[in-house]
N, C-alpha and C. Protein backbone atom coordinates (compact mmCIF):
# COMPACT_ATOMS: atom_id res chain seq x y z
N MET A 1 0.69 -1.06 0.19
CA MET A 1 0.13 -0.15 -0.22
C MET A 1 0.92 1.52 0.03
N VAL A 2 0.15 2.75 -0.73
CA VAL A 2 1.09 3.82 -0.38
C VAL A 2 0.29 4.46 0.38
N GLU A 3 0.94 5.56 0.61
CA GLU A 3 0.00 6.32 1.43
C GLU A 3 -1.43 7.18 0.91
N GLY A 4 -2.12 7.49 1.18
CA GLY A 4 -3.69 7.73 1.01
C GLY A 4 -3.87 6.39 0.61
N GLY A 5 -3.72 4.89 0.49
CA GLY A 5 -4.57 4.05 -0.24
C GLY A 5 -4.57 3.20 -1.24
N GLY A 6 -3.15 3.88 -2.30
CA GLY A 6 -3.37 3.45 -3.13
C GLY A 6 -2.69 1.43 -3.12
N VAL A 7 -2.68 1.34 -4.22
CA VAL A 7 -2.08 -0.37 -4.37
C VAL A 7 -0.83 0.05 -5.13
N VAL A 8 0.20 -0.60 -4.82
CA VAL A 8 1.77 -0.54 -5.30
C VAL A 8 1.72 -1.96 -6.19
N THR A 9 2.02 -1.19 -7.62
CA THR A 9 1.81 -2.27 -8.30
C THR A 9 3.19 -2.01 -9.39
N ARG A 10 3.63 -1.24 -9.34
CA ARG A 10 5.04 -1.04 -9.95
C ARG A 10 6.01 -1.03 -9.11
N MET A 11 7.34 -1.08 -9.54
CA MET A 11 8.59 -1.56 -8.17
C MET A 11 9.74 -0.82 -9.31
N VAL A 12 10.70 0.79 -8.56
CA VAL A 12 11.72 0.70 -8.87
C VAL A 12 12.75 0.11 -8.25
N LEU A 13 13.77 -0.47 -8.41
CA LEU A 13 14.81 -1.31 -7.68
C LEU A 13 15.91 -0.26 -7.50
N PHE A 14 16.34 0.07 -6.60
CA PHE A 14 18.02 0.58 -7.22
C PHE A 14 18.98 -0.06 -6.29
N VAL A 15 19.91 -0.31 -7.05
CA VAL A 15 21.07 -1.31 -6.53
C VAL A 15 21.82 -0.48 -6.78
N CYS A 16 23.27 -0.55 -5.59
CA CYS A 16 24.14 -0.01 -5.37
C CYS A 16 25.69 -1.24 -4.94
N PRO A 17 26.72 -0.94 -4.65
CA PRO A 17 27.52 -1.82 -4.69
C PRO A 17 27.40 -2.32 -3.39
N ASN A 18 26.89 -1.52 -2.46
CA ASN A 18 26.74 -2.43 -0.34
C ASN A 18 25.66 -2.26 0.45
N GLU A 19 24.78 -1.37 -0.78
CA GLU A 19 23.77 -0.80 -0.47
C GLU A 19 23.39 -0.56 1.20
N ALA A 20 24.47 0.68 1.13
CA ALA A 20 24.87 1.27 2.29
C ALA A 20 24.75 2.69 2.68
N ALA A 21 24.81 2.82 1.07
CA ALA A 21 23.57 4.24 1.29
C ALA A 21 23.08 5.08 -0.03
N LYS A 22 24.04 5.15 -0.84
CA LYS A 22 23.37 5.25 -2.75
C LYS A 22 22.08 4.80 -2.42
N SER A 23 21.65 3.72 -2.61
CA SER A 23 20.84 2.80 -3.07
C SER A 23 19.38 3.66 -2.22
N ARG A 24 20.01 3.84 -0.56
CA ARG A 24 18.95 3.22 0.43
C ARG A 24 18.36 5.06 -0.03
N LEU A 25 19.26 5.95 -0.47
CA LEU A 25 18.78 7.29 -0.36
C LEU A 25 18.51 7.37 -1.32
N ALA A 26 18.35 7.19 -2.93
CA ALA A 26 17.49 7.41 -4.05
C ALA A 26 16.12 6.60 -3.47
N ALA A 27 16.09 5.40 -2.85
CA ALA A 27 14.42 4.40 -2.84
C ALA A 27 14.03 5.50 -2.05
N ALA A 28 14.64 6.47 -0.89
CA ALA A 28 13.61 6.87 -0.06
C ALA A 28 13.28 8.56 -0.51
N LEU A 29 13.98 9.18 -1.48
CA LEU A 29 13.83 10.46 -2.53
C LEU A 29 13.09 9.59 -3.19
N PHE A 30 13.09 8.98 -3.94
CA PHE A 30 11.71 8.59 -4.61
C PHE A 30 10.50 8.37 -4.39
N ASN A 31 10.46 7.71 -2.87
CA ASN A 31 8.92 7.54 -2.67
C ASN A 31 8.42 8.32 -2.21
N ARG A 32 9.31 9.39 -1.56
CA ARG A 32 8.75 10.48 -1.45
C ARG A 32 8.04 11.29 -2.34
N VAL A 33 8.31 11.21 -3.84
CA VAL A 33 7.57 11.94 -4.89
C VAL A 33 6.99 10.87 -5.43
N ALA A 34 7.03 9.41 -5.66
CA ALA A 34 6.62 8.51 -6.36
C ALA A 34 5.09 8.88 -6.96
N PRO A 35 5.01 8.64 -7.98
CA PRO A 35 3.29 8.54 -8.83
C PRO A 35 2.97 7.87 -8.10
N GLU A 36 1.66 7.63 -8.65
CA GLU A 36 0.43 6.81 -8.15
C GLU A 36 0.57 5.13 -8.29
N ALA A 37 0.96 4.29 -7.20
CA ALA A 37 1.20 2.59 -7.85
C ALA A 37 2.45 2.13 -8.40
N TRP A 38 3.59 3.09 -8.02
CA TRP A 38 4.99 3.05 -7.71
C TRP A 38 5.16 3.20 -6.36
N GLN A 39 6.73 2.46 -6.33
CA GLN A 39 7.11 2.70 -4.57
C GLN A 39 8.47 2.06 -5.38
N ALA A 40 9.45 2.47 -4.32
CA ALA A 40 11.47 2.26 -4.97
C ALA A 40 11.73 1.08 -3.32
N THR A 41 12.36 0.45 -3.76
CA THR A 41 13.23 -0.44 -2.71
C THR A 41 14.87 -0.16 -3.52
N SER A 42 15.65 -1.02 -2.34
CA SER A 42 16.91 -0.95 -2.72
C SER A 42 17.58 -2.49 -2.31
N ALA A 43 18.47 -2.37 -3.04
CA ALA A 43 19.46 -3.56 -2.90
C ALA A 43 21.04 -3.23 -3.01
N GLY A 44 21.90 -4.23 -2.72
CA GLY A 44 23.41 -4.08 -3.00
C GLY A 44 23.86 -5.60 -4.11
N LEU A 45 25.00 -4.87 -4.69
CA LEU A 45 25.30 -6.40 -5.20
C LEU A 45 26.18 -7.06 -4.44
N HIS A 46 26.92 -6.41 -3.00
CA HIS A 46 27.83 -7.55 -1.83
C HIS A 46 26.64 -6.55 -0.68
N PRO A 47 26.28 -6.58 -0.46
CA PRO A 47 25.77 -5.79 0.91
C PRO A 47 26.30 -5.64 1.80
N GLN A 48 26.64 -4.64 3.25
CA GLN A 48 26.95 -4.28 3.93
C GLN A 48 26.00 -4.91 4.74
N GLU A 49 27.02 -5.53 6.34
CA GLU A 49 26.24 -5.93 7.45
C GLU A 49 24.94 -4.85 7.84
N ALA A 50 25.27 -3.13 7.85
CA ALA A 50 24.14 -2.27 8.24
C ALA A 50 24.09 -1.52 7.64
N VAL A 51 22.71 -0.29 7.28
CA VAL A 51 23.16 0.94 6.69
C VAL A 51 24.32 2.20 7.01
N SER A 52 24.79 2.93 6.10
CA SER A 52 25.44 3.54 7.04
C SER A 52 25.30 4.17 7.68
N ILE A 53 26.12 4.71 8.66
CA ILE A 53 25.78 5.49 9.75
C ILE A 53 25.91 7.25 9.03
N ALA A 54 26.93 7.40 8.36
CA ALA A 54 26.61 8.51 8.09
C ALA A 54 25.26 9.14 7.31
N THR A 55 24.43 7.97 5.99
CA THR A 55 23.43 8.20 5.38
C THR A 55 22.12 8.07 6.86
N VAL A 56 22.12 7.71 7.56
CA VAL A 56 21.15 7.98 8.55
C VAL A 56 21.28 9.35 9.27
N HIS A 57 22.59 9.54 9.25
CA HIS A 57 22.75 11.22 9.91
C HIS A 57 22.64 12.06 8.71
N LEU A 58 22.94 12.25 7.63
CA LEU A 58 22.65 12.76 6.13
C LEU A 58 20.95 12.86 6.73
N VAL A 59 20.20 12.25 6.90
CA VAL A 59 18.29 12.15 6.57
C VAL A 59 17.73 12.85 8.59
N ALA A 60 18.92 12.71 9.00
CA ALA A 60 18.25 12.70 10.23
C ALA A 60 17.50 14.26 10.82
N GLY A 61 16.69 14.16 11.58
CA GLY A 61 15.67 15.70 11.25
C GLY A 61 14.95 16.11 9.69
N THR A 62 14.64 15.28 8.96
CA THR A 62 13.96 15.69 7.44
C THR A 62 13.06 15.02 7.65
N ASP A 63 12.05 15.23 6.11
CA ASP A 63 11.24 14.31 6.07
C ASP A 63 11.64 12.88 5.33
N LEU A 64 13.22 13.03 4.80
CA LEU A 64 13.74 11.50 4.21
C LEU A 64 13.91 10.50 5.47
N GLU A 65 14.07 11.03 6.78
CA GLU A 65 14.19 10.11 7.81
C GLU A 65 13.18 8.90 8.23
N ILE A 66 11.62 8.82 7.87
CA ILE A 66 11.30 8.00 8.38
C ILE A 66 11.15 6.99 6.48
N LEU A 67 11.19 7.54 5.75
CA LEU A 67 11.46 6.92 4.31
C LEU A 67 12.58 6.20 4.45
N LEU A 68 13.25 6.39 5.27
CA LEU A 68 14.81 5.87 5.25
C LEU A 68 14.99 3.82 5.37
N ASP A 69 14.50 3.27 4.45
CA ASP A 69 14.72 1.61 4.70
C ASP A 69 15.94 1.50 5.61
N ARG A 70 15.79 1.09 7.22
CA ARG A 70 16.61 0.73 8.08
C ARG A 70 16.59 -0.43 8.03
N GLN A 71 16.50 -1.45 7.38
CA GLN A 71 16.20 -3.09 7.73
C GLN A 71 17.92 -3.24 6.80
N PRO A 72 18.24 -4.60 7.50
CA PRO A 72 19.55 -5.24 7.17
C PRO A 72 19.56 -5.11 5.51
N PRO A 73 20.75 -5.01 5.08
CA PRO A 73 20.92 -4.66 4.10
C PRO A 73 20.67 -6.37 3.13
N ARG A 74 19.97 -5.90 1.70
CA ARG A 74 19.94 -7.45 1.14
C ARG A 74 20.26 -7.21 -0.41
N PRO A 75 20.86 -8.82 -0.82
CA PRO A 75 21.49 -8.98 -1.99
C PRO A 75 20.01 -8.30 -3.24
N ALA A 76 20.47 -7.93 -4.58
CA ALA A 76 20.25 -7.40 -5.60
C ALA A 76 19.45 -9.11 -5.99
N THR A 77 19.61 -10.05 -5.91
CA THR A 77 19.04 -11.48 -6.29
C THR A 77 17.57 -11.53 -5.87
N SER A 78 17.42 -10.77 -4.38
CA SER A 78 16.51 -11.54 -3.42
C SER A 78 15.01 -9.85 -3.60
N VAL A 79 15.24 -9.69 -4.94
CA VAL A 79 14.20 -8.41 -5.29
C VAL A 79 13.62 -8.63 -6.38
N ARG A 80 12.47 -9.00 -6.71
CA ARG A 80 11.79 -9.57 -7.94
C ARG A 80 10.83 -8.46 -8.36
N ASP A 81 10.20 -8.52 -9.61
CA ASP A 81 9.22 -8.01 -9.96
C ASP A 81 9.57 -6.41 -10.22
N ALA A 82 10.82 -6.40 -10.36
CA ALA A 82 10.85 -4.36 -10.23
C ALA A 82 11.13 -4.60 -11.86
N GLY A 83 10.20 -3.27 -11.96
CA GLY A 83 9.37 -2.53 -13.43
C GLY A 83 10.79 -1.55 -13.75
N THR A 84 11.26 -1.46 -13.19
CA THR A 84 12.63 -0.59 -13.44
C THR A 84 14.04 -0.70 -12.64
N VAL A 85 15.28 -0.88 -13.31
CA VAL A 85 15.66 -1.13 -12.23
C VAL A 85 16.83 -0.18 -12.76
N VAL A 86 17.47 0.39 -11.36
CA VAL A 86 18.55 1.66 -11.63
C VAL A 86 20.14 1.06 -10.92
N GLY A 87 20.71 1.13 -11.73
CA GLY A 87 22.31 0.76 -11.00
C GLY A 87 23.12 2.07 -10.60
N LEU A 88 23.51 1.98 -9.76
CA LEU A 88 24.02 3.37 -9.17
C LEU A 88 25.65 2.89 -8.63
N ASP A 89 25.90 3.62 -9.97
CA ASP A 89 27.87 3.38 -9.65
C ASP A 89 28.01 1.33 -10.19
N CYS A 90 27.04 0.87 -10.36
CA CYS A 90 27.13 -0.61 -10.65
C CYS A 90 26.73 -1.02 -11.95
N ASP A 91 27.22 -1.98 -12.70
CA ASP A 91 26.46 -2.70 -13.81
C ASP A 91 25.61 -4.26 -13.72
N LEU A 92 24.10 -4.12 -14.15
CA LEU A 92 23.71 -5.02 -13.86
C LEU A 92 22.35 -5.09 -15.09
N PRO A 93 22.50 -6.30 -15.60
CA PRO A 93 21.68 -6.78 -17.02
C PRO A 93 20.23 -5.54 -16.44
N ASP A 94 20.09 -5.31 -17.91
CA ASP A 94 18.92 -4.61 -18.24
C ASP A 94 18.30 -3.20 -16.95
N ALA A 95 19.33 -2.93 -16.69
CA ALA A 95 19.20 -1.89 -15.93
C ALA A 95 20.10 -0.69 -16.16
N VAL A 96 18.97 0.15 -15.97
CA VAL A 96 19.86 2.16 -16.21
C VAL A 96 20.80 2.64 -15.38
N ARG A 97 21.79 2.24 -15.63
CA ARG A 97 22.97 3.05 -15.54
C ARG A 97 23.17 4.36 -14.51
N TRP A 98 23.56 4.65 -13.49
CA TRP A 98 23.82 6.66 -12.74
C TRP A 98 25.12 6.19 -12.28
N ASP A 99 25.86 6.86 -13.08
CA ASP A 99 27.03 7.25 -12.41
C ASP A 99 27.05 8.65 -12.01
N LEU A 100 27.77 8.73 -10.50
CA LEU A 100 27.48 9.59 -9.44
C LEU A 100 28.68 10.77 -9.76
N VAL A 101 28.23 11.51 -9.92
CA VAL A 101 29.54 12.56 -9.91
C VAL A 101 30.23 12.43 -8.22
N HIS A 102 28.90 12.66 -6.82
CA HIS A 102 29.50 12.77 -5.59
C HIS A 102 29.41 11.20 -5.24
N GLN A 103 30.72 11.03 -4.46
CA GLN A 103 30.88 9.81 -4.30
C GLN A 103 30.64 9.48 -2.88
N GLN A 104 30.85 10.73 -2.37
CA GLN A 104 30.78 11.07 -0.31
C GLN A 104 29.31 10.91 0.10
N VAL A 105 28.99 10.49 0.77
CA VAL A 105 28.24 10.29 1.04
C VAL A 105 27.64 12.56 1.95
N GLY A 106 27.09 12.71 1.56
CA GLY A 106 26.46 13.87 2.12
C GLY A 106 25.69 15.09 1.20
N ALA A 107 25.64 16.38 1.79
CA ALA A 107 24.56 17.35 0.73
C ALA A 107 24.81 17.22 -0.80
N ALA A 108 26.01 16.60 -1.28
CA ALA A 108 25.95 17.00 -2.24
C ALA A 108 25.49 15.50 -3.42
N MET A 109 26.26 14.40 -2.83
CA MET A 109 25.33 13.16 -3.02
C MET A 109 23.69 13.43 -3.42
N LEU A 110 23.11 14.14 -1.89
CA LEU A 110 21.84 13.60 -1.63
C LEU A 110 21.32 14.72 -2.80
N ALA A 111 21.81 16.26 -3.18
CA ALA A 111 21.25 16.84 -4.43
C ALA A 111 21.28 16.02 -5.45
N GLU A 112 22.35 15.41 -5.49
CA GLU A 112 22.15 14.97 -7.54
C GLU A 112 21.11 13.64 -7.30
N LEU A 113 21.09 13.02 -6.42
CA LEU A 113 20.23 12.22 -6.44
C LEU A 113 19.19 12.66 -6.76
N ARG A 114 18.79 13.75 -5.95
CA ARG A 114 17.35 14.45 -5.94
C ARG A 114 17.24 14.35 -7.19
N GLU A 115 17.58 14.95 -7.66
CA GLU A 115 17.36 15.81 -9.15
C GLU A 115 17.29 14.59 -10.16
N ARG A 116 18.26 13.45 -10.24
CA ARG A 116 18.04 12.27 -10.81
C ARG A 116 16.91 11.51 -10.62
N VAL A 117 15.79 11.17 -9.43
CA VAL A 117 15.01 10.73 -8.90
C VAL A 117 14.08 11.39 -9.55
N GLU A 118 14.30 12.55 -9.53
CA GLU A 118 12.55 13.62 -9.74
C GLU A 118 12.35 13.44 -10.64
N VAL A 119 13.65 13.60 -11.87
CA VAL A 119 13.30 12.96 -13.64
C VAL A 119 12.80 11.53 -13.68
N LEU A 120 13.47 10.79 -13.20
CA LEU A 120 12.61 9.71 -12.91
C LEU A 120 11.34 8.90 -13.05
N ALA A 121 11.32 9.44 -11.79
CA ALA A 121 9.28 9.71 -11.53
C ALA A 121 8.76 10.32 -12.34
N ARG A 122 9.33 11.09 -13.07
CA ARG A 122 8.69 11.93 -13.73
C ARG A 122 8.36 11.08 -15.25
N ARG A 123 9.27 10.25 -15.75
CA ARG A 123 8.89 9.96 -16.95
C ARG A 123 8.30 8.07 -16.22
N VAL A 124 8.22 7.75 -15.64
CA VAL A 124 7.73 6.89 -15.53
C VAL A 124 6.36 6.98 -14.74
N GLY A 125 6.05 8.07 -14.37
CA GLY A 125 4.46 8.52 -14.19
C GLY A 125 3.95 8.76 -15.64
N ASP A 126 4.77 9.45 -16.63
CA ASP A 126 4.14 9.77 -17.70
C ASP A 126 3.88 8.31 -18.96
N ALA A 127 4.84 7.45 -17.72
CA ALA A 127 4.67 6.18 -19.35
C ALA A 127 3.40 5.42 -19.11
N PRO A 128 3.00 4.59 -20.05
CA PRO A 128 1.89 4.38 -20.02
C PRO A 128 1.72 3.04 -19.45
N HIS A 129 0.41 2.61 -18.61
CA HIS A 129 0.26 1.34 -17.87
C HIS A 129 0.42 -0.67 -18.51
């Protein structure tokens, strides 16, 4: 379910090497602006044991704090049925690859991801079902 009682029918999967920061932030940003019936989740190629503490601190006190997935990182192979897959600084079959300019967790990375996610949300929202 999505906010407002809608049903999720389409999924965006953001994958990064470790699922400790980039993919988590991208999914939270997408879910903040997700078109109706869309939702995002994240995964990693080689998941770390936990979410990056820098990521948690970056979103603390913002509207993204509640949207940040804090569950243990999971491998990309565990997520099925994604309509769109985005590889953040990693290659995946049939995925769109985003090479980030800003590699350090911080305001610049968050701003870069926000811009890219907003474009993606508009694109998938305009696509025929």
